[in-house]
Amino acid sequence: MQATDFEFRYRALLIGIIYFLGFEAYAIDHTPIALTLVRWAFGPSAVHGPLVRIPFAIAAVLVAFGALVRTWGTAYLRASVVHDAKLHSTELVADGPYRYVRHPLYFGSIVTTIGVGLVTSRVGFFVLVVPMTLLYLRLVGREESQMEAQLDAGQSESYREFRRRVPQLWPTLTPRVPATGAKPKWGQAFLGETFMWAFTLAIAGYAITLNNTVLFSLIGVAILALIEQQIAHNRRKKRSEQTA
């Protein structure tokens, strides 16, 4: 199961569309999945009390955890690689979170998607989580296939051993490969994941206030951060190509 060239090149656009449809599902299903979960767990009366905040607090924790995992993974990559429309698969990274899971960025994104899904409706949760998970699995399949095809003979054997030891998307509690001594670049990592942290603030703000205006205002800020991030990446890439 591998993503097409179109899916990989326009993955940010596809992700944006799926997220939009997830929230738009409120038009056909007006019941938040969080209220349904509270009703199931604590009874109908709980939806009018403080317990209603529990699913939203869980959502904020999941989104923050996903952002942290992605930032940790990005610290061992160049931010330009993370956000590039081209597939970079000529260098094996096996340090930091990559010692526990082969695709920490996609793992973090799936966790984030589940967290965001808790803020949508019952239908919206499945409209968001199922297609996003399938898209990430397809992107993983493409990257791994491309990686093995482009590495040289020696690296290819190392990569097969890496795949044998380290799980694809569900991390282990202990490292499966030794550290390589690579140094994380936290500054570029947090800058590269600005969108994810802005999204974390949006969900946390909603968990505290339960105010839709706060939620969508902060999501708007997150989207603007993503657009600015992409524009800045394209400018750097263009200058680099001109210099070369």
Protein backbone atom coordinates (compact mmCIF):
# COMPACT_ATOMS: atom_id res chain seq x y z
CA MET A 1 0.00 0.00 0.00
CA GLN A 2 1.91 3.01 -1.31
CA ALA A 3 0.97 6.63 -1.87
CA THR A 4 1.00 7.98 -5.42
CA ASP A 5 3.19 10.89 -6.54
CA PHE A 6 0.14 13.15 -6.27
CA GLU A 7 -0.59 12.05 -2.70
CA PHE A 8 2.97 12.66 -1.59
CA ARG A 9 3.45 15.99 -3.38
CA TYR A 10 0.14 17.40 -2.21
CA ARG A 11 -0.05 15.68 1.16
CA ALA A 12 -0.43 18.99 3.03
CA LEU A 13 -3.40 19.91 0.84
CA LEU A 14 -5.00 16.48 1.31
CA ILE A 15 -4.51 16.68 5.07
CA GLY A 16 -6.12 20.12 5.11
CA ILE A 17 -9.12 18.89 3.12
CA ILE A 18 -9.65 15.88 5.40
CA TYR A 19 -9.44 18.04 8.51
CA PHE A 20 -11.91 20.50 6.98
CA LEU A 21 -14.37 17.70 6.19
CA GLY A 22 -13.97 16.30 9.70
CA PHE A 23 -15.12 19.56 11.27
CA GLU A 24 -17.73 20.19 8.57
CA ALA A 25 -19.38 16.91 9.56
CA TYR A 26 -21.05 18.95 12.31
CA ALA A 27 -23.45 20.04 9.54
CA ILE A 28 -24.93 16.53 9.40
CA ASP A 29 -24.23 15.38 12.96
CA HIS A 30 -24.57 18.07 15.63
CA THR A 31 -23.53 15.89 18.57
CA PRO A 32 -19.85 16.15 19.66
CA ILE A 33 -18.30 12.74 20.15
CA ALA A 34 -16.94 14.03 23.48
CA LEU A 35 -20.48 14.38 24.85
CA THR A 36 -21.32 10.87 23.68
CA LEU A 37 -18.26 9.47 25.48
CA VAL A 38 -19.10 11.34 28.70
CA ARG A 39 -22.69 10.12 28.54
CA TRP A 40 -21.54 6.52 28.06
CA ALA A 41 -18.98 6.70 30.86
CA PHE A 42 -20.75 8.77 33.51
CA GLY A 43 -24.44 8.92 32.60
CA PRO A 44 -26.68 11.49 30.84
CA SER A 45 -26.50 14.09 33.64
CA ALA A 46 -22.70 14.30 33.37
CA VAL A 47 -22.88 16.24 30.08
CA HIS A 48 -24.03 19.29 32.04
CA GLY A 49 -21.25 19.18 34.64
CA PRO A 50 -17.46 19.57 34.84
CA LEU A 51 -16.87 15.99 33.68
CA VAL A 52 -17.63 17.13 30.14
CA ARG A 53 -14.15 18.68 30.04
CA ILE A 54 -12.42 15.31 30.44
CA PRO A 55 -12.48 14.27 26.72
CA PHE A 56 -11.27 17.71 25.69
CA ALA A 57 -8.45 17.56 28.23
CA ILE A 58 -7.49 14.14 26.83
CA ALA A 59 -7.63 15.64 23.35
CA ALA A 60 -5.21 18.40 24.38
CA VAL A 61 -2.81 15.87 25.94
CA LEU A 62 -2.86 13.69 22.81
CA VAL A 63 -2.24 16.65 20.49
CA ALA A 64 0.59 17.92 22.70
CA PHE A 65 2.14 14.43 22.83
CA GLY A 66 1.91 14.14 19.03
CA ALA A 67 3.55 17.55 18.62
CA LEU A 68 6.33 16.56 21.03
CA VAL A 69 7.04 13.30 19.19
CA ARG A 70 7.10 15.10 15.84
CA THR A 71 9.42 17.78 17.21
CA TRP A 72 11.75 15.12 18.61
CA GLY A 73 11.84 13.40 15.22
CA THR A 74 12.33 16.65 13.32
CA ALA A 75 15.29 17.50 15.57
CA TYR A 76 17.17 14.64 13.90
CA LEU A 77 16.11 15.69 10.40
CA ARG A 78 16.35 18.95 8.51
CA ALA A 79 13.07 20.85 8.72
CA SER A 80 13.41 21.36 4.96
CA VAL A 81 13.21 17.59 4.50
CA VAL A 82 10.08 17.30 6.64
CA HIS A 83 8.18 19.92 4.66
CA ASP A 84 9.56 19.30 1.18
CA ALA A 85 7.25 18.07 -1.59
CA LYS A 86 10.06 15.82 -2.81
CA LEU A 87 10.88 12.50 -1.21
CA HIS A 88 14.27 12.39 0.50
CA SER A 89 15.33 8.79 0.95
CA THR A 90 19.07 8.55 0.46
CA GLU A 91 20.11 8.77 4.11
CA LEU A 92 19.13 6.47 6.95
CA VAL A 93 18.33 8.19 10.26
CA ALA A 94 18.53 5.85 13.26
CA ASP A 95 18.86 8.02 16.34
CA GLY A 96 16.56 9.81 18.76
CA PRO A 97 12.97 8.54 18.37
CA TYR A 98 14.01 6.49 15.34
CA ARG A 99 15.53 3.99 17.78
CA TYR A 100 12.00 3.23 19.00
CA VAL A 101 9.86 3.59 15.88
CA ARG A 102 10.76 3.90 12.20
CA HIS A 103 8.31 6.73 11.49
CA PRO A 104 7.96 8.93 14.59
CA LEU A 105 6.59 11.85 12.57
CA TYR A 106 3.72 9.80 11.20
CA PHE A 107 3.13 8.17 14.60
CA GLY A 108 2.94 11.64 16.17
CA SER A 109 0.58 12.80 13.42
CA ILE A 110 -1.77 9.86 13.98
CA VAL A 111 -1.88 10.53 17.73
CA THR A 112 -2.58 14.20 17.00
CA THR A 113 -5.37 13.28 14.60
CA ILE A 114 -7.07 11.13 17.24
CA GLY A 115 -6.80 14.00 19.72
CA VAL A 116 -8.30 16.49 17.27
CA GLY A 117 -11.00 13.95 16.43
CA LEU A 118 -12.26 14.19 20.04
CA VAL A 119 -13.26 17.79 19.30
CA THR A 120 -15.37 16.85 16.27
CA SER A 121 -18.80 15.22 16.02
CA ARG A 122 -19.46 11.49 16.11
CA VAL A 123 -19.43 11.31 12.31
CA GLY A 124 -16.59 13.82 12.09
CA PHE A 125 -14.34 11.64 14.25
CA PHE A 126 -14.47 8.80 11.70
CA VAL A 127 -14.38 11.18 8.70
CA LEU A 128 -11.15 12.59 10.13
CA VAL A 129 -9.35 9.67 11.76
CA VAL A 130 -9.96 6.85 9.25
CA PRO A 131 -8.86 8.67 6.02
CA MET A 132 -5.94 10.35 7.79
CA THR A 133 -4.65 7.04 9.16
CA LEU A 134 -4.96 5.42 5.74
CA LEU A 135 -3.13 8.35 4.12
CA TYR A 136 -0.28 8.11 6.64
CA LEU A 137 0.00 4.34 6.10
CA ARG A 138 0.20 4.91 2.33
CA LEU A 139 2.89 7.58 2.79
CA VAL A 140 4.86 5.22 5.04
CA GLY A 141 4.67 2.47 2.42
CA ARG A 142 5.93 4.80 -0.29
CA GLU A 143 8.82 6.15 1.77
CA GLU A 144 10.03 2.72 2.83
CA SER A 145 9.88 1.34 -0.70
CA GLN A 146 11.70 4.38 -2.06
CA MET A 147 14.29 4.21 0.70
CA GLU A 148 15.25 0.62 -0.01
CA ALA A 149 15.39 1.29 -3.76
CA GLN A 150 17.68 4.33 -3.49
CA LEU A 151 20.16 3.26 -0.81
CA ASP A 152 23.42 1.70 -1.94
CA ALA A 153 24.13 -1.98 -1.29
CA GLY A 154 25.78 -1.51 2.11
CA GLN A 155 23.17 0.91 3.42
CA SER A 156 20.38 -1.22 2.01
CA GLU A 157 21.45 -4.15 4.16
CA SER A 158 21.63 -1.86 7.21
CA TYR A 159 18.15 -0.58 6.41
CA ARG A 160 16.73 -4.12 6.24
CA GLU A 161 18.24 -4.81 9.65
CA PHE A 162 16.80 -1.52 10.93
CA ARG A 163 13.36 -2.54 9.63
CA ARG A 164 13.69 -5.93 11.26
CA ARG A 165 14.52 -4.49 14.67
CA VAL A 166 12.45 -1.30 14.85
CA PRO A 167 8.64 -1.34 14.52
CA GLN A 168 7.06 0.70 11.76
CA LEU A 169 4.46 2.84 13.55
CA TRP A 170 3.92 1.52 17.10
CA PRO A 171 6.95 2.48 19.24
CA THR A 172 8.65 0.18 21.70
CA LEU A 173 9.41 1.19 25.28
CA THR A 174 13.12 0.47 24.89
CA PRO A 175 15.48 1.38 22.03
CA ARG A 176 15.97 -1.34 19.43
CA VAL A 177 19.18 -0.01 17.87
CA PRO A 178 22.24 1.69 19.43
CA ALA A 179 22.61 5.47 19.29
CA THR A 180 24.72 6.85 16.46
CA GLY A 181 25.79 9.99 18.32
CA ALA A 182 23.77 12.35 16.12
CA LYS A 183 23.04 15.71 17.75
CA PRO A 184 19.44 16.97 17.74
CA LYS A 185 18.78 20.47 16.42
CA TRP A 186 15.98 21.63 18.69
CA GLY A 187 15.78 25.19 17.39
CA GLN A 188 15.00 24.18 13.82
CA ALA A 189 12.76 21.39 15.14
CA PHE A 190 10.44 23.66 17.12
CA LEU A 191 10.44 26.17 14.26
CA GLY A 192 9.63 23.41 11.79
CA GLU A 193 6.74 22.18 13.96
CA THR A 194 5.24 25.62 14.66
CA PHE A 195 1.95 24.50 13.12
CA MET A 196 1.67 21.49 15.43
CA TRP A 197 2.31 23.55 18.55
CA ALA A 198 -0.18 26.20 17.42
CA PHE A 199 -2.71 23.40 16.97
CA THR A 200 -1.87 22.19 20.48
CA LEU A 201 -2.66 25.66 21.87
CA ALA A 202 -5.96 25.66 19.95
CA ILE A 203 -7.13 22.37 21.46
CA ALA A 204 -5.85 23.29 24.94
CA GLY A 205 -7.61 26.66 24.71
CA TYR A 206 -10.85 24.93 23.85
CA ALA A 207 -10.44 22.40 26.67
CA ILE A 208 -10.18 25.31 29.12
CA THR A 209 -12.88 27.58 27.71
CA LEU A 210 -15.21 25.26 25.72
CA ASN A 211 -15.56 28.28 23.46
CA ASN A 212 -15.86 27.62 19.70
CA THR A 213 -14.59 31.10 18.88
CA VAL A 214 -11.37 30.42 20.80
CA LEU A 215 -10.98 27.04 19.08
CA PHE A 216 -11.42 28.22 15.50
CA SER A 217 -9.51 31.47 16.04
CA LEU A 218 -6.48 29.54 17.27
CA ILE A 219 -6.87 26.96 14.49
CA GLY A 220 -6.82 29.88 12.06
CA VAL A 221 -3.56 31.05 13.61
CA ALA A 222 -2.19 27.51 13.27
CA ILE A 223 -3.14 27.40 9.58
CA LEU A 224 -1.52 30.78 8.97
CA ALA A 225 1.60 29.46 10.69
CA LEU A 226 1.61 26.45 8.38
CA ILE A 227 1.21 28.64 5.28
CA GLU A 228 4.01 30.94 6.41
CA GLN A 229 6.16 27.91 7.17
CA GLN A 230 5.62 26.54 3.68
CA ILE A 231 6.30 29.90 2.03
CA ALA A 232 9.52 30.30 4.01
CA HIS A 233 10.59 26.76 3.06
CA ASN A 234 9.94 27.43 -0.64
CA ARG A 235 11.93 30.67 -0.49
CA ARG A 236 14.90 28.96 1.16
CA LYS A 237 14.75 26.15 -1.37
CA LYS A 238 14.64 28.61 -4.28
CA ARG A 239 17.63 30.58 -2.94
CA SER A 240 19.53 27.33 -2.43
CA GLU A 241 18.82 26.21 -6.01
CA GLN A 242 19.86 29.62 -7.39
CA THR A 243 23.10 29.52 -5.42
CA ALA A 244 23.84 26.00 -6.65
